PDB file of N, CA and C in Angstrom:
ATOM      1  N   MET A   1     -44.760 167.175  15.215  1.00  0.00           N
ATOM      2  CA  MET A   1     -45.567 166.680  14.146  1.00  0.00           C
ATOM      3  C   MET A   1     -47.039 166.884  14.490  1.00  0.00           C
ATOM      4  N   SER A   2     -47.787 167.418  13.548  1.00  0.00           N
ATOM      5  CA  SER A   2     -49.214 167.596  13.810  1.00  0.00           C
ATOM      6  C   SER A   2     -49.992 166.430  13.201  1.00  0.00           C
ATOM      7  N   GLU A   3     -51.005 166.043  13.892  1.00  0.00           N
ATOM      8  CA  GLU A   3     -51.847 164.941  13.439  1.00  0.00           C
ATOM      9  C   GLU A   3     -53.095 165.491  12.789  1.00  0.00           C
ATOM     10  N   PHE A   4     -53.547 164.809  11.737  1.00  0.00           N
ATOM     11  CA  PHE A   4     -54.781 165.203  11.067  1.00  0.00           C
ATOM     12  C   PHE A   4     -55.946 164.528  11.777  1.00  0.00           C
ATOM     13  N   LYS A   5     -56.843 165.346  12.292  1.00  0.00           N
ATOM     14  CA  LYS A   5     -58.034 164.810  12.942  1.00  0.00           C
ATOM     15  C   LYS A   5     -59.253 165.455  12.284  1.00  0.00           C
ATOM     16  N   PRO A   6     -60.089 164.651  11.633  1.00  0.00           N
ATOM     17  CA  PRO A   6     -61.301 165.225  11.070  1.00  0.00           C
ATOM     18  C   PRO A   6     -62.213 165.722  12.185  1.00  0.00           C
ATOM     19  N   GLU A   7     -62.934 166.800  11.902  1.00  0.00           N
ATOM     20  CA  GLU A   7     -63.813 167.360  12.922  1.00  0.00           C
ATOM     21  C   GLU A   7     -64.891 166.361  13.337  1.00  0.00           C
ATOM     22  N   ASN A   8     -65.507 165.753  12.337  1.00  0.00           N
ATOM     23  CA  ASN A   8     -66.549 164.789  12.625  1.00  0.00           C
ATOM     24  C   ASN A   8     -66.622 163.825  11.441  1.00  0.00           C
ATOM     25  N   PRO A   9     -66.269 162.569  11.630  1.00  0.00           N
ATOM     26  CA  PRO A   9     -66.287 161.631  10.500  1.00  0.00           C
ATOM     27  C   PRO A   9     -67.681 161.472   9.890  1.00  0.00           C
ATOM     28  N   ARG A  10     -68.703 161.659  10.671  1.00  0.00           N
ATOM     29  CA  ARG A  10     -70.078 161.520  10.182  1.00  0.00           C
ATOM     30  C   ARG A  10     -70.400 162.594   9.151  1.00  0.00           C
ATOM     31  N   VAL A  11     -69.865 163.782   9.311  1.00  0.00           N
ATOM     32  CA  VAL A  11     -70.097 164.869   8.365  1.00  0.00           C
ATOM     33  C   VAL A  11     -69.512 164.514   6.998  1.00  0.00           C
ATOM     34  N   ALA A  12     -68.331 163.916   6.987  1.00  0.00           N
ATOM     35  CA  ALA A  12     -67.705 163.522   5.730  1.00  0.00           C
ATOM     36  C   ALA A  12     -68.530 162.451   5.024  1.00  0.00           C
ATOM     37  N   VAL A  13     -69.041 161.476   5.757  1.00  0.00           N
ATOM     38  CA  VAL A  13     -69.853 160.417   5.175  1.00  0.00           C
ATOM     39  C   VAL A  13     -71.154 160.999   4.615  1.00  0.00           C
ATOM     40  N   ASP A  14     -71.780 161.910   5.357  1.00  0.00           N
ATOM     41  CA  ASP A  14     -73.014 162.536   4.889  1.00  0.00           C
ATOM     42  C   ASP A  14     -72.785 163.336   3.614  1.00  0.00           C
ATOM     43  N   ALA A  15     -71.641 163.998   3.508  1.00  0.00           N
ATOM     44  CA  ALA A  15     -71.340 164.778   2.310  1.00  0.00           C
ATOM     45  C   ALA A  15     -71.186 163.867   1.093  1.00  0.00           C
ATOM     46  N   VAL A  16     -70.535 162.727   1.268  1.00  0.00           N
ATOM     47  CA  VAL A  16     -70.372 161.776   0.163  1.00  0.00           C
ATOM     48  C   VAL A  16     -71.723 161.200  -0.240  1.00  0.00           C
ATOM     49  N   VAL A  17     -72.546 160.842   0.725  1.00  0.00           N
ATOM     50  CA  VAL A  17     -73.874 160.286   0.428  1.00  0.00           C
ATOM     51  C   VAL A  17     -74.717 161.316  -0.317  1.00  0.00           C
ATOM     52  N   ASP A  18     -74.678 162.570   0.100  1.00  0.00           N
ATOM     53  CA  ASP A  18     -75.435 163.622  -0.587  1.00  0.00           C
ATOM     54  C   ASP A  18     -74.935 163.818  -2.010  1.00  0.00           C
ATOM     55  N   ALA A  19     -73.635 163.747  -2.220  1.00  0.00           N
ATOM     56  CA  ALA A  19     -73.078 163.902  -3.568  1.00  0.00           C
ATOM     57  C   ALA A  19     -73.521 162.758  -4.474  1.00  0.00           C
ATOM     58  N   VAL A  20     -73.513 161.535  -3.974  1.00  0.00           N
ATOM     59  CA  VAL A  20     -73.946 160.382  -4.767  1.00  0.00           C
ATOM     60  C   VAL A  20     -75.430 160.492  -5.094  1.00  0.00           C
ATOM     61  N   ARG A  21     -76.238 160.898  -4.133  1.00  0.00           N
ATOM     62  CA  ARG A  21     -77.672 161.074  -4.394  1.00  0.00           C
ATOM     63  C   ARG A  21     -77.913 162.129  -5.468  1.00  0.00           C
ATOM     64  N   GLY A  22     -77.152 163.206  -5.438  1.00  0.00           N
ATOM     65  CA  GLY A  22     -77.291 164.241  -6.460  1.00  0.00           C
ATOM     66  C   GLY A  22     -76.934 163.733  -7.842  1.00  0.00           C
ATOM     67  N   LEU A  23     -75.862 162.944  -7.938  1.00  0.00           N
ATOM     68  CA  LEU A  23     -75.460 162.380  -9.235  1.00  0.00           C
ATOM     69  C   LEU A  23     -76.505 161.403  -9.765  1.00  0.00           C
ATOM     70  N   VAL A  24     -77.057 160.573  -8.888  1.00  0.00           N
ATOM     71  CA  VAL A  24     -78.085 159.618  -9.318  1.00  0.00           C
ATOM     72  C   VAL A  24     -79.333 160.360  -9.769  1.00  0.00           C
ATOM     73  N   SER A  25     -79.724 161.378  -9.019  1.00  0.00           N
ATOM     74  CA  SER A  25     -80.900 162.164  -9.391  1.00  0.00           C
ATOM     75  C   SER A  25     -80.708 162.841 -10.743  1.00  0.00           C
ATOM     76  N   GLU A  26     -79.530 163.402 -10.961  1.00  0.00           N
ATOM     77  CA  GLU A  26     -79.253 164.049 -12.237  1.00  0.00           C
ATOM     78  C   GLU A  26     -79.192 163.024 -13.361  1.00  0.00           C
ATOM     79  N   GLY A  27     -78.681 161.836 -13.087  1.00  0.00           N
ATOM     80  CA  GLY A  27     -78.629 160.776 -14.090  1.00  0.00           C
ATOM     81  C   GLY A  27     -80.007 160.281 -14.474  1.00  0.00           C
ATOM     82  N   ILE A  28     -80.951 160.331 -13.544  1.00  0.00           N
ATOM     83  CA  ILE A  28     -82.323 159.924 -13.837  1.00  0.00           C
ATOM     84  C   ILE A  28     -83.043 161.015 -14.624  1.00  0.00           C
ATOM     85  N   ASN A  29     -82.743 162.277 -14.340  1.00  0.00           N
ATOM     86  CA  ASN A  29     -83.404 163.380 -15.034  1.00  0.00           C
ATOM     87  C   ASN A  29     -82.902 163.570 -16.457  1.00  0.00           C
ATOM     88  N   ARG A  30     -81.713 163.116 -16.765  1.00  0.00           N
ATOM     89  CA  ARG A  30     -81.163 163.239 -18.116  1.00  0.00           C
ATOM     90  C   ARG A  30     -81.408 161.950 -18.881  1.00  0.00           C
ATOM     91  N   ARG A  31     -81.654 162.097 -20.182  1.00  0.00           N
ATOM     92  CA  ARG A  31     -81.930 160.945 -21.020  1.00  0.00           C
ATOM     93  C   ARG A  31     -81.081 160.994 -22.280  1.00  0.00           C
ATOM     94  N   VAL A  32     -80.654 159.830 -22.742  1.00  0.00           N
ATOM     95  CA  VAL A  32     -79.968 159.696 -24.018  1.00  0.00           C
ATOM     96  C   VAL A  32     -81.028 159.275 -25.031  1.00  0.00           C
ATOM     97  N   VAL A  33     -81.180 160.079 -26.090  1.00  0.00           N
ATOM     98  CA  VAL A  33     -82.192 159.820 -27.104  1.00  0.00           C
ATOM     99  C   VAL A  33     -81.493 159.614 -28.443  1.00  0.00           C
ATOM    100  N   VAL A  34     -81.794 158.501 -29.101  1.00  0.00           N
ATOM    101  CA  VAL A  34     -81.261 158.213 -30.434  1.00  0.00           C
ATOM    102  C   VAL A  34     -82.413 158.372 -31.419  1.00  0.00           C
ATOM    103  N   ARG A  35     -82.218 159.243 -32.413  1.00  0.00           N
ATOM    104  CA  ARG A  35     -83.251 159.496 -33.429  1.00  0.00           C
ATOM    105  C   ARG A  35     -82.704 159.146 -34.802  1.00  0.00           C
ATOM    106  N   ASP A  36     -83.573 158.628 -35.663  1.00  0.00           N
ATOM    107  CA  ASP A  36     -83.146 158.300 -37.018  1.00  0.00           C
ATOM    108  C   ASP A  36     -83.224 159.540 -37.903  1.00  0.00           C
ATOM    109  N   SER A  37     -82.959 159.371 -39.198  1.00  0.00           N
ATOM    110  CA  SER A  37     -82.910 160.514 -40.116  1.00  0.00           C
ATOM    111  C   SER A  37     -84.273 161.171 -40.308  1.00  0.00           C
ATOM    112  N   LYS A  38     -85.360 160.459 -39.991  1.00  0.00           N
ATOM    113  CA  LYS A  38     -86.714 161.028 -40.088  1.00  0.00           C
ATOM    114  C   LYS A  38     -87.149 161.669 -38.777  1.00  0.00           C
ATOM    115  N   ASP A  39     -86.237 161.783 -37.820  1.00  0.00           N
ATOM    116  CA  ASP A  39     -86.469 162.366 -36.497  1.00  0.00           C
ATOM    117  C   ASP A  39     -87.419 161.535 -35.635  1.00  0.00           C
ATOM    118  N   ASP A  40     -87.505 160.240 -35.920  1.00  0.00           N
ATOM    119  CA  ASP A  40     -88.271 159.331 -35.069  1.00  0.00           C
ATOM    120  C   ASP A  40     -87.353 158.789 -33.974  1.00  0.00           C
ATOM    121  N   VAL A  41     -87.897 158.634 -32.767  1.00  0.00           N
ATOM    122  CA  VAL A  41     -87.103 158.136 -31.641  1.00  0.00           C
ATOM    123  C   VAL A  41     -86.876 156.632 -31.810  1.00  0.00           C
ATOM    124  N   VAL A  42     -85.614 156.235 -31.853  1.00  0.00           N
ATOM    125  CA  VAL A  42     -85.242 154.827 -31.958  1.00  0.00           C
ATOM    126  C   VAL A  42     -85.021 154.244 -30.569  1.00  0.00           C
ATOM    127  N   LEU A  43     -84.358 155.007 -29.690  1.00  0.00           N
ATOM    128  CA  LEU A  43     -84.030 154.547 -28.347  1.00  0.00           C
ATOM    129  C   LEU A  43     -84.011 155.737 -27.406  1.00  0.00           C
ATOM    130  N   GLU A  44     -84.573 155.552 -26.222  1.00  0.00           N
ATOM    131  CA  GLU A  44     -84.564 156.599 -25.200  1.00  0.00           C
ATOM    132  C   GLU A  44     -84.362 155.935 -23.849  1.00  0.00           C
ATOM    133  N   VAL A  45     -83.224 156.230 -23.198  1.00  0.00           N
ATOM    134  CA  VAL A  45     -82.906 155.629 -21.907  1.00  0.00           C
ATOM    135  C   VAL A  45     -82.352 156.697 -20.965  1.00  0.00           C
ATOM    136  N   PRO A  46     -82.585 156.540 -19.659  1.00  0.00           N
ATOM    137  CA  PRO A  46     -81.955 157.452 -18.705  1.00  0.00           C
ATOM    138  C   PRO A  46     -80.437 157.280 -18.719  1.00  0.00           C
ATOM    139  N   VAL A  47     -79.716 158.352 -18.438  1.00  0.00           N
ATOM    140  CA  VAL A  47     -78.254 158.303 -18.435  1.00  0.00           C
ATOM    141  C   VAL A  47     -77.754 157.287 -17.415  1.00  0.00           C
ATOM    142  N   ALA A  48     -78.427 157.188 -16.268  1.00  0.00           N
ATOM    143  CA  ALA A  48     -78.006 156.235 -15.239  1.00  0.00           C
ATOM    144  C   ALA A  48     -78.059 154.804 -15.776  1.00  0.00           C
ATOM    145  N   LEU A  49     -79.096 154.464 -16.537  1.00  0.00           N
ATOM    146  CA  LEU A  49     -79.194 153.128 -17.119  1.00  0.00           C
ATOM    147  C   LEU A  49     -78.134 152.930 -18.193  1.00  0.00           C
ATOM    148  N   GLY A  50     -77.841 153.990 -18.944  1.00  0.00           N
ATOM    149  CA  GLY A  50     -76.783 153.912 -19.949  1.00  0.00           C
ATOM    150  C   GLY A  50     -75.425 153.647 -19.326  1.00  0.00           C
ATOM    151  N   LEU A  51     -75.166 154.258 -18.185  1.00  0.00           N
ATOM    152  CA  LEU A  51     -73.893 154.022 -17.500  1.00  0.00           C
ATOM    153  C   LEU A  51     -73.790 152.590 -16.996  1.00  0.00           C
ATOM    154  N   VAL A  52     -74.891 152.040 -16.521  1.00  0.00           N
ATOM    155  CA  VAL A  52     -74.895 150.643 -16.084  1.00  0.00           C
ATOM    156  C   VAL A  52     -74.611 149.738 -17.281  1.00  0.00           C
ATOM    157  N   ALA A  53     -75.209 150.049 -18.434  1.00  0.00           N
ATOM    158  CA  ALA A  53     -74.969 149.248 -19.642  1.00  0.00           C
ATOM    159  C   ALA A  53     -73.509 149.324 -20.074  1.00  0.00           C
ATOM    160  N   VAL A  54     -72.912 150.508 -19.977  1.00  0.00           N
ATOM    161  CA  VAL A  54     -71.499 150.661 -20.349  1.00  0.00           C
ATOM    162  C   VAL A  54     -70.614 149.823 -19.438  1.00  0.00           C
ATOM    163  N   LEU A  55     -70.917 149.799 -18.164  1.00  0.00           N
ATOM    164  CA  LEU A  55     -70.116 149.011 -17.231  1.00  0.00           C
ATOM    165  C   LEU A  55     -70.355 147.512 -17.390  1.00  0.00           C
ATOM    166  N   ALA A  56     -71.593 147.130 -17.701  1.00  0.00           N
ATOM    167  CA  ALA A  56     -71.921 145.709 -17.798  1.00  0.00           C
ATOM    168  C   ALA A  56     -71.475 145.104 -19.126  1.00  0.00           C
ATOM    169  N   ALA A  57     -71.641 145.851 -20.218  1.00  0.00           N
ATOM    170  CA  ALA A  57     -71.314 145.309 -21.539  1.00  0.00           C
ATOM    171  C   ALA A  57     -70.669 146.397 -22.399  1.00  0.00           C
ATOM    172  N   PRO A  58     -69.407 146.721 -22.130  1.00  0.00           N
ATOM    173  CA  PRO A  58     -68.778 147.828 -22.855  1.00  0.00           C
ATOM    174  C   PRO A  58     -68.616 147.571 -24.352  1.00  0.00           C
ATOM    175  N   VAL A  59     -68.337 146.344 -24.738  1.00  0.00           N
ATOM    176  CA  VAL A  59     -68.143 146.048 -26.164  1.00  0.00           C
ATOM    177  C   VAL A  59     -69.446 146.226 -26.935  1.00  0.00           C
ATOM    178  N   VAL A  60     -70.538 145.731 -26.387  1.00  0.00           N
ATOM    179  CA  VAL A  60     -71.843 145.877 -27.036  1.00  0.00           C
ATOM    180  C   VAL A  60     -72.242 147.345 -27.125  1.00  0.00           C
ATOM    181  N   THR A  61     -71.949 148.121 -26.096  1.00  0.00           N
ATOM    182  CA  THR A  61     -72.270 149.537 -26.100  1.00  0.00           C
ATOM    183  C   THR A  61     -71.498 150.271 -27.191  1.00  0.00           C
ATOM    184  N   VAL A  62     -70.225 149.983 -27.344  1.00  0.00           N
ATOM    185  CA  VAL A  62     -69.413 150.629 -28.377  1.00  0.00           C
ATOM    186  C   VAL A  62     -69.903 150.235 -29.768  1.00  0.00           C
ATOM    187  N   ILE A  63     -70.232 148.979 -29.962  1.00  0.00           N
ATOM    188  CA  ILE A  63     -70.739 148.529 -31.262  1.00  0.00           C
ATOM    189  C   ILE A  63     -72.073 149.199 -31.574  1.00  0.00           C
ATOM    190  N   GLY A  64     -72.960 149.271 -30.604  1.00  0.00           N
ATOM    191  CA  GLY A  64     -74.260 149.924 -30.810  1.00  0.00           C
ATOM    192  C   GLY A  64     -74.127 151.393 -31.125  1.00  0.00           C
ATOM    193  N   THR A  65     -73.212 152.077 -30.459  1.00  0.00           N
ATOM    194  CA  THR A  65     -72.977 153.494 -30.732  1.00  0.00           C
ATOM    195  C   THR A  65     -72.414 153.681 -32.137  1.00  0.00           C
ATOM    196  N   GLY A  66     -71.496 152.821 -32.532  1.00  0.00           N
ATOM    197  CA  GLY A  66     -70.924 152.898 -33.877  1.00  0.00           C
ATOM    198  C   GLY A  66     -71.968 152.662 -34.952  1.00  0.00           C
ATOM    199  N   VAL A  67     -72.854 151.695 -34.736  1.00  0.00           N
ATOM    200  CA  VAL A  67     -73.925 151.422 -35.699  1.00  0.00           C
ATOM    201  C   VAL A  67     -74.878 152.605 -35.789  1.00  0.00           C
ATOM    202  N   ALA A  68     -75.201 153.215 -34.656  1.00  0.00           N
ATOM    203  CA  ALA A  68     -76.098 154.369 -34.672  1.00  0.00           C
ATOM    204  C   ALA A  68     -75.487 155.541 -35.432  1.00  0.00           C
ATOM    205  N   LEU A  69     -74.206 155.800 -35.222  1.00  0.00           N
ATOM    206  CA  LEU A  69     -73.555 156.908 -35.922  1.00  0.00           C
ATOM    207  C   LEU A  69     -73.372 156.611 -37.404  1.00  0.00           C
ATOM    208  N   ALA A  70     -73.063 155.363 -37.740  1.00  0.00           N
ATOM    209  CA  ALA A  70     -72.896 154.990 -39.150  1.00  0.00           C
ATOM    210  C   ALA A  70     -74.232 155.007 -39.885  1.00  0.00           C
ATOM    211  N   GLY A  71     -75.311 154.768 -39.174  1.00  0.00           N
ATOM    212  CA  GLY A  71     -76.641 154.756 -39.777  1.00  0.00           C
ATOM    213  C   GLY A  71     -77.290 156.112 -39.839  1.00  0.00           C
ATOM    214  N   LYS A  72     -76.511 157.174 -39.709  1.00  0.00           N
ATOM    215  CA  LYS A  72     -77.009 158.555 -39.783  1.00  0.00           C
ATOM    216  C   LYS A  72     -78.048 158.871 -38.702  1.00  0.00           C
ATOM    217  N   CYS A  73     -77.905 158.258 -37.545  1.00  0.00           N
ATOM    218  CA  CYS A  73     -78.779 158.568 -36.411  1.00  0.00           C
ATOM    219  C   CYS A  73     -78.156 159.689 -35.597  1.00  0.00           C
ATOM    220  N   GLY A  74     -78.988 160.478 -34.971  1.00  0.00           N
ATOM    221  CA  GLY A  74     -78.508 161.530 -34.089  1.00  0.00           C
ATOM    222  C   GLY A  74     -78.629 161.094 -32.647  1.00  0.00           C
ATOM    223  N   ILE A  75     -77.608 161.367 -31.857  1.00  0.00           N
ATOM    224  CA  ILE A  75     -77.617 161.027 -30.440  1.00  0.00           C
ATOM    225  C   ILE A  75     -77.732 162.324 -29.660  1.00  0.00           C
ATOM    226  N   THR A  76     -78.773 162.426 -28.841  1.00  0.00           N
ATOM    227  CA  THR A  76     -79.067 163.650 -28.106  1.00  0.00           C
ATOM    228  C   THR A  76     -79.086 163.363 -26.616  1.00  0.00           C
ATOM    229  N   LEU A  77     -78.493 164.262 -25.836  1.00  0.00           N
ATOM    230  CA  LEU A  77     -78.560 164.193 -24.389  1.00  0.00           C
ATOM    231  C   LEU A  77     -79.560 165.246 -23.952  1.00  0.00           C
ATOM    232  N   GLU A  78     -80.704 164.798 -23.437  1.00  0.00           N
ATOM    233  CA  GLU A  78     -81.764 165.721 -23.046  1.00  0.00           C
ATOM    234  C   GLU A  78     -81.879 165.780 -21.538  1.00  0.00           C
ATOM    235  N   ASN A  79     -82.061 166.999 -21.044  1.00  0.00           N
ATOM    236  CA  ASN A  79     -82.297 167.216 -19.624  1.00  0.00           C
ATOM    237  C   ASN A  79     -83.722 167.720 -19.493  1.00  0.00           C
ATOM    238  N   ARG A  80     -84.482 167.171 -18.595  1.00  0.00           N
ATOM    239  CA  ARG A  80     -85.888 167.555 -18.467  1.00  0.00           C
ATOM    240  C   ARG A  80     -86.052 169.009 -18.026  1.00  0.00           C
ATOM    241  N   GLN A  81     -85.035 169.595 -17.384  1.00  0.00           N
ATOM    242  CA  GLN A  81     -85.118 170.971 -16.940  1.00  0.00           C
ATOM    243  C   GLN A  81     -84.473 171.946 -17.912  1.00  0.00           C
ATOM    244  N   ARG A  82     -83.607 171.478 -18.817  1.00  0.00           N
ATOM    245  CA  ARG A  82     -82.847 172.350 -19.714  1.00  0.00           C
ATOM    246  C   ARG A  82     -83.079 171.944 -21.160  1.00  0.00           C
ATOM    247  N   PRO A  83     -82.738 172.807 -22.122  1.00  0.00           N
ATOM    248  CA  PRO A  83     -82.846 172.420 -23.526  1.00  0.00           C
ATOM    249  C   PRO A  83     -81.874 171.302 -23.887  1.00  0.00           C
ATOM    250  N   ALA A  84     -82.155 170.609 -24.969  1.00  0.00           N
ATOM    251  CA  ALA A  84     -81.371 169.449 -25.384  1.00  0.00           C
ATOM    252  C   ALA A  84     -80.020 169.857 -25.943  1.00  0.00           C
ATOM    253  N   THR A  85     -79.037 168.958 -25.778  1.00  0.00           N
ATOM    254  CA  THR A  85     -77.707 169.108 -26.372  1.00  0.00           C
ATOM    255  C   THR A  85     -77.575 168.013 -27.417  1.00  0.00           C
ATOM    256  N   THR A  86     -77.281 168.390 -28.651  1.00  0.00           N
ATOM    257  CA  THR A  86     -77.254 167.435 -29.759  1.00  0.00           C
ATOM    258  C   THR A  86     -75.831 167.215 -30.239  1.00  0.00           C
ATOM    259  N   VAL A  87     -75.526 165.966 -30.551  1.00  0.00           N
ATOM    260  CA  VAL A  87     -74.256 165.617 -31.177  1.00  0.00           C
ATOM    261  C   VAL A  87     -74.523 165.464 -32.663  1.00  0.00           C
ATOM    262  N   ASP A  88     -73.871 166.262 -33.482  1.00  0.00           N
ATOM    263  CA  ASP A  88     -74.086 166.230 -34.926  1.00  0.00           C
ATOM    264  C   ASP A  88     -73.280 165.079 -35.510  1.00  0.00           C
ATOM    265  N   THR A  89     -73.993 164.115 -36.116  1.00  0.00           N
ATOM    266  CA  THR A  89     -73.308 162.933 -36.643  1.00  0.00           C
ATOM    267  C   THR A  89     -72.596 163.212 -37.949  1.00  0.00           C
ATOM    268  N   GLU A  90     -72.912 164.288 -38.622  1.00  0.00           N
ATOM    269  CA  GLU A  90     -72.258 164.603 -39.880  1.00  0.00           C
ATOM    270  C   GLU A  90     -70.812 165.035 -39.656  1.00  0.00           C
ATOM    271  N   GLN A  91     -70.512 165.629 -38.499  1.00  0.00           N
ATOM    272  CA  GLN A  91     -69.172 166.114 -38.217  1.00  0.00           C
ATOM    273  C   GLN A  91     -68.291 165.063 -37.577  1.00  0.00           C
ATOM    274  N   VAL A  92     -68.882 163.971 -37.097  1.00  0.00           N
ATOM    275  CA  VAL A  92     -68.116 162.930 -36.392  1.00  0.00           C
ATOM    276  C   VAL A  92     -67.377 162.057 -37.336  1.00  0.00           C
TER     277      VAL A  92
END
């Protein structure tokens, strides 16, 4: 029987820490933007803060998203380094 021995446990921990830092950095660089029918910004939050809100108050988040979509608002995911990705509320 062969035993599994990691080469260096510290390397595995460092890789996980680097991956988490990358996800947090990307979550801070991306923003969720809610715009009304006149293209005015109603709400703009970093994705990382949005994820915290989803975990802390999932029911309120779902209700708020439903109200935004029912009110003909557009929800956009913007990346500061890349062009915006838009969710079309007319097709939803």
